[in-house]
Amino acid sequence: MGSFSIWHWLVVLAIVLLLFGTGRISNLMGDLAKGVKAFKKGLAEDEPTPDTEKPKVLSSEEIAASGGKKDEVHHH
């Protein structure tokens, strides 16, 4: 029982197509592709970007709303 021949794989493919139909298989492949894209997007969002590391500059309205207190950032 070595490797399977091309005829074996063609028969398996034909049976799968008969059981599930081509429309259902293409829908499953589309759902799989959407899942992979969402996974990649989630990984990209986890990586810190230079924009998120900048300290926030408060406007005068925000300083007044906080009671005049603001955190000082010390740069070395």
C-alpha atoms as a PDB file:
ATOM      1  CA  MET A   1       0.000   0.000   0.000  1.00  0.00           C
ATOM      2  CA  GLY A   2       2.318   2.706  -1.266  1.00  0.00           C
ATOM      3  CA  SER A   3       1.265   6.098  -2.490  1.00  0.00           C
ATOM      4  CA  PHE A   4      -2.097   6.537  -4.123  1.00  0.00           C
ATOM      5  CA  SER A   5      -2.356   6.876  -7.882  1.00  0.00           C
ATOM      6  CA  ILE A   6      -3.915   9.767  -9.776  1.00  0.00           C
ATOM      7  CA  TRP A   7      -6.967   7.563 -10.458  1.00  0.00           C
ATOM      8  CA  HIS A   8      -7.563   7.128  -6.739  1.00  0.00           C
ATOM      9  CA  TRP A   9      -7.560  10.917  -6.214  1.00  0.00           C
ATOM     10  CA  LEU A  10      -9.896  11.457  -9.193  1.00  0.00           C
ATOM     11  CA  VAL A  11     -12.391   8.961  -7.762  1.00  0.00           C
ATOM     12  CA  VAL A  12     -12.201  10.612  -4.323  1.00  0.00           C
ATOM     13  CA  LEU A  13     -12.723  14.047  -5.917  1.00  0.00           C
ATOM     14  CA  ALA A  14     -15.730  12.776  -7.893  1.00  0.00           C
ATOM     15  CA  ILE A  15     -17.319  11.318  -4.755  1.00  0.00           C
ATOM     16  CA  VAL A  16     -16.759  14.547  -2.807  1.00  0.00           C
ATOM     17  CA  LEU A  17     -18.302  16.592  -5.633  1.00  0.00           C
ATOM     18  CA  LEU A  18     -21.314  14.275  -5.746  1.00  0.00           C
ATOM     19  CA  LEU A  19     -21.840  14.458  -1.992  1.00  0.00           C
ATOM     20  CA  PHE A  20     -21.382  18.185  -1.473  1.00  0.00           C
ATOM     21  CA  GLY A  21     -21.865  19.757  -4.889  1.00  0.00           C
ATOM     22  CA  THR A  22     -19.648  22.404  -6.425  1.00  0.00           C
ATOM     23  CA  GLY A  23     -21.601  25.351  -4.971  1.00  0.00           C
ATOM     24  CA  ARG A  24     -21.172  24.240  -1.388  1.00  0.00           C
ATOM     25  CA  ILE A  25     -17.452  23.604  -1.846  1.00  0.00           C
ATOM     26  CA  SER A  26     -16.908  27.055  -3.369  1.00  0.00           C
ATOM     27  CA  ASN A  27     -18.832  28.614  -0.455  1.00  0.00           C
ATOM     28  CA  LEU A  28     -16.608  26.775   2.012  1.00  0.00           C
ATOM     29  CA  MET A  29     -13.486  27.971   0.213  1.00  0.00           C
ATOM     30  CA  GLY A  30     -14.800  31.560   0.254  1.00  0.00           C
ATOM     31  CA  ASP A  31     -15.486  31.328   3.990  1.00  0.00           C
ATOM     32  CA  LEU A  32     -12.007  29.933   4.542  1.00  0.00           C
ATOM     33  CA  ALA A  33     -10.470  32.840   2.600  1.00  0.00           C
ATOM     34  CA  LYS A  34     -12.457  35.355   4.682  1.00  0.00           C
ATOM     35  CA  GLY A  35     -11.225  33.694   7.857  1.00  0.00           C
ATOM     36  CA  VAL A  36      -7.603  33.867   6.742  1.00  0.00           C
ATOM     37  CA  LYS A  37      -7.982  37.570   5.844  1.00  0.00           C
ATOM     38  CA  ALA A  38      -9.545  38.322   9.234  1.00  0.00           C
ATOM     39  CA  PHE A  39      -6.732  36.450  10.967  1.00  0.00           C
ATOM     40  CA  LYS A  40      -4.065  38.417   9.084  1.00  0.00           C
ATOM     41  CA  LYS A  41      -5.859  41.687   9.858  1.00  0.00           C
ATOM     42  CA  GLY A  42      -5.945  40.761  13.548  1.00  0.00           C
ATOM     43  CA  LEU A  43      -2.221  40.058  13.538  1.00  0.00           C
ATOM     44  CA  ALA A  44      -1.511  43.381  11.842  1.00  0.00           C
ATOM     45  CA  GLU A  45      -3.583  45.253  14.442  1.00  0.00           C
ATOM     46  CA  ASP A  46      -1.619  43.698  17.311  1.00  0.00           C
ATOM     47  CA  GLU A  47       1.692  45.123  16.083  1.00  0.00           C
ATOM     48  CA  PRO A  48       2.463  48.557  17.571  1.00  0.00           C
ATOM     49  CA  THR A  49       2.685  51.371  15.062  1.00  0.00           C
ATOM     50  CA  PRO A  50       4.682  54.577  15.502  1.00  0.00           C
ATOM     51  CA  ASP A  51       1.419  56.582  15.618  1.00  0.00           C
ATOM     52  CA  THR A  52       0.173  54.743  18.706  1.00  0.00           C
ATOM     53  CA  GLU A  53       3.400  55.359  20.643  1.00  0.00           C
ATOM     54  CA  LYS A  54       3.200  59.172  20.459  1.00  0.00           C
ATOM     55  CA  PRO A  55       2.065  60.968  23.617  1.00  0.00           C
ATOM     56  CA  LYS A  56      -1.275  62.712  23.323  1.00  0.00           C
ATOM     57  CA  VAL A  57      -1.176  66.490  23.227  1.00  0.00           C
ATOM     58  CA  LEU A  58      -4.058  67.967  25.197  1.00  0.00           C
ATOM     59  CA  SER A  59      -5.930  70.977  23.900  1.00  0.00           C
ATOM     60  CA  SER A  60      -6.654  73.908  26.192  1.00  0.00           C
ATOM     61  CA  GLU A  61     -10.307  72.756  26.425  1.00  0.00           C
ATOM     62  CA  GLU A  62      -9.226  69.289  27.557  1.00  0.00           C
ATOM     63  CA  ILE A  63      -6.861  70.780  30.150  1.00  0.00           C
ATOM     64  CA  ALA A  64      -9.627  73.031  31.474  1.00  0.00           C
ATOM     65  CA  ALA A  65     -12.072  70.098  31.580  1.00  0.00           C
ATOM     66  CA  SER A  66      -9.629  68.037  33.646  1.00  0.00           C
ATOM     67  CA  GLY A  67      -9.315  70.777  36.236  1.00  0.00           C
ATOM     68  CA  GLY A  68      -6.082  72.228  34.925  1.00  0.00           C
ATOM     69  CA  LYS A  69      -4.100  69.079  35.738  1.00  0.00           C
ATOM     70  CA  LYS A  70      -2.025  67.517  33.024  1.00  0.00           C
ATOM     71  CA  ASP A  71       0.535  64.774  33.073  1.00  0.00           C
ATOM     72  CA  GLU A  72       3.999  65.942  32.232  1.00  0.00           C
ATOM     73  CA  VAL A  73       6.079  63.859  29.904  1.00  0.00           C
ATOM     74  CA  HIS A  74       9.813  63.977  30.517  1.00  0.00           C
ATOM     75  CA  HIS A  75      12.012  63.455  27.495  1.00  0.00           C
ATOM     76  CA  HIS A  76      15.570  62.300  28.147  1.00  0.00           C
END
